[in-house]
Amino acid sequence: MTRLTIVIVAFNAREDLAGTLGSLTTAPPSTSHEIVVVDNASTDGAPELVRGRFPGVALVEAGENLGFARANNLAIRRSASELVLLLNPDTIVPAGAVDQLVACLDSAPGVAVVGPRIVDATGRAELSWGDRVTPWSERRRKTLVHRDQAGDPAAATAIDRDTRAARDVAWVTGACLLVRRSDAELVGLLDERYFLYMEDVDFCDAIRARGRRIRFEPSVEVVHLRGRSGPASGGGAERAWQASHLAYYRKHLPLWAPLLALYQRLRVAG
């Protein structure tokens, strides 16, 4: 039986998808695996790319843009592997990285999810894990990330330091997230109320609520081209973020949700 299913959800990400699939097929994991691409009705020729250049990759054409959670769930339900790797279509996976993540899970039965250190094409670290979401933790995180994006070397140093130590965390990014199927199924897979963003945080929350652990493992690195794929670009991304952010607060932080909704309305009005 195939031990691992690698799920890649794509929407108008043809060129980046080619890089991701190339990295996975040029130096494939030794773990028995299958690769499943769920195409969310791309118009850039992504399905033709998969069929023509990567015939060993399973292609599921959704027929519409299902969003991230629904599309991943579609692939998970169609597979039967012990492990599932959620992977963005704008990543490059170095040789051996997937096998290292699998080894991390194998060595820690209490761990349900593991995520690697995420870096950009220059090796600059992305803050790809987080603490429990609260208004205060979000403020600290956003301030640090904004300073980093503005070129503040102190912020870049802080992010680099925070992504060097292995640790148990509240969540890891869905850009590269390895999970045991048994844990994923016990929480009902990803919550499909989220179209894009926050579904990975919510997913990890649900798994932790069952007493299982989420692990950040910096000894493994994966390159993320930082949101060049279709769903993460344009004004639609901001609207999706706002909707998912509010949905998360209504589910997990209901007392704060009205204030967040007011803040979002004021930002739009401003």
Protein backbone atom coordinates (compact mmCIF):
# COMPACT_ATOMS: atom_id res chain seq x y z
CA MET A 1 0.00 0.00 0.00
CA THR A 2 1.15 3.55 -0.71
CA ARG A 3 2.26 5.04 2.59
CA LEU A 4 2.12 8.73 1.70
CA THR A 5 -0.16 10.92 -0.39
CA ILE A 6 1.25 14.28 -1.41
CA VAL A 7 -1.64 16.68 -2.11
CA ILE A 8 -1.08 19.86 -4.12
CA VAL A 9 -3.99 22.24 -4.71
CA ALA A 10 -3.46 24.48 -7.73
CA PHE A 11 -5.28 27.48 -9.13
CA ASN A 12 -3.64 29.32 -12.02
CA ALA A 13 -0.19 28.31 -10.78
CA ARG A 14 1.13 26.54 -13.87
CA GLU A 15 4.75 27.71 -13.82
CA ASP A 16 5.20 27.33 -10.06
CA LEU A 17 3.45 23.96 -10.16
CA ALA A 18 5.94 22.79 -12.77
CA GLY A 19 8.76 23.62 -10.36
CA THR A 20 7.11 21.84 -7.44
CA LEU A 21 6.36 18.68 -9.42
CA GLY A 22 9.81 18.78 -10.96
CA SER A 23 11.44 18.84 -7.53
CA LEU A 24 9.31 15.91 -6.35
CA THR A 25 9.86 13.75 -9.43
CA THR A 26 13.51 14.50 -10.15
CA ALA A 27 14.53 13.37 -6.68
CA PRO A 28 11.45 11.47 -5.46
CA PRO A 29 10.97 10.46 -1.82
CA SER A 30 11.99 6.91 -1.00
CA THR A 31 8.80 6.58 1.06
CA SER A 32 6.18 4.84 -1.07
CA HIS A 33 3.99 7.66 -2.27
CA GLU A 34 1.57 9.11 -4.75
CA ILE A 35 1.21 12.72 -5.86
CA VAL A 36 -2.27 14.14 -6.34
CA VAL A 37 -2.86 17.55 -7.91
CA VAL A 38 -6.31 19.02 -7.39
CA ASP A 39 -6.86 21.71 -9.99
CA ASN A 40 -9.39 24.36 -8.96
CA ALA A 41 -10.53 25.22 -12.50
CA SER A 42 -7.30 26.88 -13.62
CA THR A 43 -7.35 28.73 -16.93
CA ASP A 44 -3.57 28.86 -17.41
CA GLY A 45 -3.03 25.34 -18.73
CA ALA A 46 -2.09 23.74 -15.42
CA PRO A 47 -4.09 20.53 -16.07
CA GLU A 48 -2.47 20.13 -19.48
CA LEU A 49 0.93 20.62 -17.87
CA VAL A 50 0.29 17.79 -15.41
CA ARG A 51 -1.05 15.41 -18.05
CA GLY A 52 1.71 16.20 -20.54
CA ARG A 53 4.83 16.50 -18.41
CA PHE A 54 3.99 14.52 -15.29
CA PRO A 55 1.91 11.52 -16.38
CA GLY A 56 2.68 9.68 -13.14
CA VAL A 57 0.90 12.38 -11.13
CA ALA A 58 -2.80 11.87 -10.43
CA LEU A 59 -4.88 14.83 -11.58
CA VAL A 60 -8.26 15.68 -10.07
CA GLU A 61 -10.07 18.45 -11.93
CA ALA A 62 -12.46 20.04 -9.47
CA GLY A 63 -14.46 21.89 -12.13
CA GLU A 64 -14.66 25.01 -9.96
CA ASN A 65 -12.55 26.87 -7.45
CA LEU A 66 -13.23 24.89 -4.29
CA GLY A 67 -10.77 26.79 -2.15
CA PHE A 68 -7.92 25.26 -0.18
CA ALA A 69 -9.74 23.24 2.49
CA ARG A 70 -12.37 21.62 0.24
CA ALA A 71 -9.85 20.77 -2.46
CA ASN A 72 -7.44 19.16 0.00
CA ASN A 73 -10.27 17.20 1.58
CA LEU A 74 -11.33 15.98 -1.84
CA ALA A 75 -7.90 14.45 -2.42
CA ILE A 76 -7.64 13.05 1.10
CA ARG A 77 -10.99 11.29 0.77
CA ARG A 78 -9.95 9.79 -2.55
CA SER A 79 -6.77 8.31 -1.09
CA ALA A 80 -6.04 5.70 1.56
CA SER A 81 -2.44 6.30 2.64
CA GLU A 82 -1.25 6.32 6.24
CA LEU A 83 0.25 9.81 5.87
CA VAL A 84 -0.82 12.93 3.98
CA LEU A 85 1.43 15.84 3.00
CA LEU A 86 -0.28 19.12 2.18
CA LEU A 87 2.00 21.07 -0.12
CA ASN A 88 1.66 24.44 -1.85
CA PRO A 89 2.13 24.63 -5.62
CA ASP A 90 4.76 27.35 -5.17
CA THR A 91 7.25 25.26 -3.21
CA ILE A 92 10.50 23.53 -4.11
CA VAL A 93 11.16 20.36 -2.13
CA PRO A 94 14.85 19.46 -1.76
CA ALA A 95 15.93 15.84 -2.13
CA GLY A 96 15.34 13.91 1.09
CA ALA A 97 13.13 16.53 2.74
CA VAL A 98 9.90 14.50 2.57
CA ASP A 99 11.62 11.39 3.93
CA GLN A 100 13.04 13.44 6.80
CA LEU A 101 9.57 14.69 7.72
CA VAL A 102 8.24 11.13 7.63
CA ALA A 103 11.10 10.05 9.90
CA CYS A 104 10.15 12.80 12.37
CA LEU A 105 6.64 11.37 12.68
CA ASP A 106 7.93 7.81 12.88
CA SER A 107 10.18 8.74 15.80
CA ALA A 108 7.44 10.47 17.81
CA PRO A 109 4.15 8.58 18.16
CA GLY A 110 2.60 11.45 20.12
CA VAL A 111 3.13 13.87 17.23
CA ALA A 112 0.27 14.15 14.73
CA VAL A 113 1.60 16.94 12.51
CA VAL A 114 5.08 18.07 11.55
CA GLY A 115 6.14 21.06 9.48
CA PRO A 116 9.58 22.07 8.18
CA ARG A 117 11.51 25.32 8.21
CA ILE A 118 10.24 27.38 5.29
CA VAL A 119 12.67 29.64 3.43
CA ASP A 120 12.47 31.74 0.28
CA ALA A 121 14.65 31.33 -2.79
CA THR A 122 17.46 33.29 -1.10
CA GLY A 123 17.36 31.19 2.08
CA ARG A 124 15.56 33.84 4.11
CA ALA A 125 13.30 32.26 6.73
CA GLU A 126 9.53 32.58 6.83
CA LEU A 127 7.74 32.54 10.19
CA SER A 128 5.95 29.28 9.38
CA TRP A 129 4.76 28.26 12.83
CA GLY A 130 2.83 30.02 15.55
CA ASP A 131 1.52 30.12 19.09
CA ARG A 132 -2.17 29.97 19.95
CA VAL A 133 -4.02 32.74 18.12
CA THR A 134 -5.06 35.64 20.34
CA PRO A 135 -5.35 39.35 19.54
CA TRP A 136 -2.03 39.87 21.34
CA SER A 137 -0.13 37.04 19.67
CA GLU A 138 -1.43 38.19 16.28
CA ARG A 139 -0.32 41.75 16.94
CA ARG A 140 3.18 40.63 17.93
CA ARG A 141 3.45 38.39 14.89
CA LYS A 142 2.17 40.97 12.39
CA THR A 143 4.50 43.62 13.76
CA LEU A 144 7.51 41.33 13.39
CA VAL A 145 6.56 40.21 9.87
CA HIS A 146 5.86 43.78 8.70
CA ARG A 147 9.21 44.95 10.06
CA ASP A 148 10.91 42.07 8.27
CA GLN A 149 9.17 42.90 5.00
CA ALA A 150 10.24 46.53 5.40
CA GLY A 151 13.87 45.43 5.53
CA ASP A 152 14.49 45.70 9.28
CA PRO A 153 17.57 43.52 9.92
CA ALA A 154 16.64 43.05 13.59
CA ALA A 155 13.30 41.55 12.58
CA ALA A 156 14.97 39.25 10.04
CA THR A 157 17.40 38.12 12.75
CA ALA A 158 14.53 37.45 15.17
CA ILE A 159 12.65 35.35 12.60
CA ASP A 160 15.80 33.44 11.73
CA ARG A 161 16.40 32.72 15.42
CA ASP A 162 12.79 31.68 16.02
CA THR A 163 12.96 29.17 13.16
CA ARG A 164 16.17 27.44 14.22
CA ALA A 165 14.92 25.42 17.21
CA ALA A 166 12.77 22.30 17.05
CA ARG A 167 9.73 22.67 19.28
CA ASP A 168 6.10 21.80 19.88
CA VAL A 169 3.92 24.62 18.55
CA ALA A 170 0.25 25.51 18.23
CA TRP A 171 0.28 25.29 14.43
CA VAL A 172 2.44 24.99 11.33
CA THR A 173 1.69 26.42 7.92
CA GLY A 174 -0.32 24.43 5.41
CA ALA A 175 2.27 25.34 2.77
CA CYS A 176 4.01 22.12 3.86
CA LEU A 177 2.23 20.10 6.52
CA LEU A 178 2.62 16.36 7.10
CA VAL A 179 -0.19 14.70 9.07
CA ARG A 180 -1.18 11.20 10.06
CA ARG A 181 -4.41 10.25 8.31
CA SER A 182 -5.81 8.85 11.55
CA ASP A 183 -5.46 12.23 13.25
CA ALA A 184 -6.83 14.11 10.24
CA GLU A 185 -9.90 11.89 10.08
CA LEU A 186 -10.58 12.07 13.82
CA VAL A 187 -11.09 15.84 13.51
CA GLY A 188 -13.12 15.61 10.31
CA LEU A 189 -10.32 16.81 7.99
CA LEU A 190 -10.01 20.53 7.25
CA ASP A 191 -12.95 22.79 8.09
CA GLU A 192 -14.49 23.69 4.73
CA ARG A 193 -15.95 26.92 6.03
CA TYR A 194 -12.54 28.43 5.30
CA PHE A 195 -12.06 29.16 1.61
CA LEU A 196 -8.45 30.31 1.89
CA TYR A 197 -6.27 31.09 4.94
CA MET A 198 -6.62 30.07 8.61
CA GLU A 199 -7.71 26.52 7.76
CA ASP A 200 -4.26 25.22 8.71
CA VAL A 201 -4.38 26.98 12.09
CA ASP A 202 -7.89 25.69 12.74
CA PHE A 203 -6.87 22.16 11.68
CA CYS A 204 -3.94 22.13 14.10
CA ASP A 205 -6.16 23.53 16.86
CA ALA A 206 -8.59 20.65 16.42
CA ILE A 207 -5.81 18.09 16.51
CA ARG A 208 -4.22 19.61 19.62
CA ALA A 209 -7.62 19.62 21.33
CA ARG A 210 -7.47 15.82 21.21
CA GLY A 211 -4.18 15.81 23.11
CA ARG A 212 -1.98 15.33 20.07
CA ARG A 213 1.16 17.32 19.32
CA ILE A 214 2.15 19.67 16.50
CA ARG A 215 5.89 19.76 15.80
CA PHE A 216 8.08 22.32 14.04
CA GLU A 217 11.22 20.67 12.68
CA PRO A 218 13.87 23.12 11.37
CA SER A 219 16.33 20.38 10.40
CA VAL A 220 14.14 20.01 7.28
CA GLU A 221 13.89 22.95 4.88
CA VAL A 222 11.47 23.57 2.03
CA VAL A 223 11.61 26.55 -0.32
CA HIS A 224 8.45 28.63 -0.59
CA LEU A 225 8.22 31.23 -3.33
CA ARG A 226 6.03 33.33 -1.05
CA GLY A 227 2.57 33.42 -2.52
CA ARG A 228 3.24 33.65 -6.25
CA SER A 229 0.49 31.14 -6.99
CA GLY A 230 -2.90 32.37 -8.20
CA PRO A 231 -5.00 32.12 -5.01
CA ALA A 232 -2.53 34.20 -3.05
CA SER A 233 -2.43 37.13 -5.46
CA GLY A 234 -4.69 40.07 -6.15
CA GLY A 235 -7.47 41.77 -4.17
CA GLY A 236 -9.36 38.50 -3.80
CA ALA A 237 -6.66 37.27 -1.44
CA GLU A 238 -7.27 40.16 0.95
CA ARG A 239 -11.02 39.52 0.94
CA ALA A 240 -10.45 35.81 1.54
CA TRP A 241 -8.10 36.59 4.43
CA GLN A 242 -10.62 38.93 6.05
CA ALA A 243 -13.44 36.39 5.73
CA SER A 244 -11.37 33.50 7.07
CA HIS A 245 -9.92 35.59 9.87
CA LEU A 246 -13.40 36.57 11.02
CA ALA A 247 -14.67 32.98 10.69
CA TYR A 248 -11.80 31.80 12.89
CA TYR A 249 -12.57 34.38 15.58
CA ARG A 250 -16.27 33.50 15.53
CA LYS A 251 -15.39 29.85 16.05
CA HIS A 252 -12.54 30.12 18.56
CA LEU A 253 -12.64 33.65 20.02
CA PRO A 254 -16.33 34.61 19.87
CA LEU A 255 -16.07 37.43 22.41
CA TRP A 256 -13.54 39.18 20.19
CA ALA A 257 -15.32 38.53 16.89
CA PRO A 258 -17.58 41.64 16.97
CA LEU A 259 -14.57 43.88 17.52
CA LEU A 260 -12.72 42.24 14.64
CA ALA A 261 -15.76 42.65 12.39
CA LEU A 262 -15.96 46.34 13.31
CA TYR A 263 -12.24 46.79 12.65
CA GLN A 264 -12.57 45.18 9.24
CA ARG A 265 -15.53 47.41 8.32
CA LEU A 266 -13.62 50.52 9.39
CA ARG A 267 -10.61 49.50 7.32
CA VAL A 268 -12.78 49.06 4.24
CA ALA A 269 -14.52 52.39 4.85
CA GLY A 270 -11.19 54.11 5.40
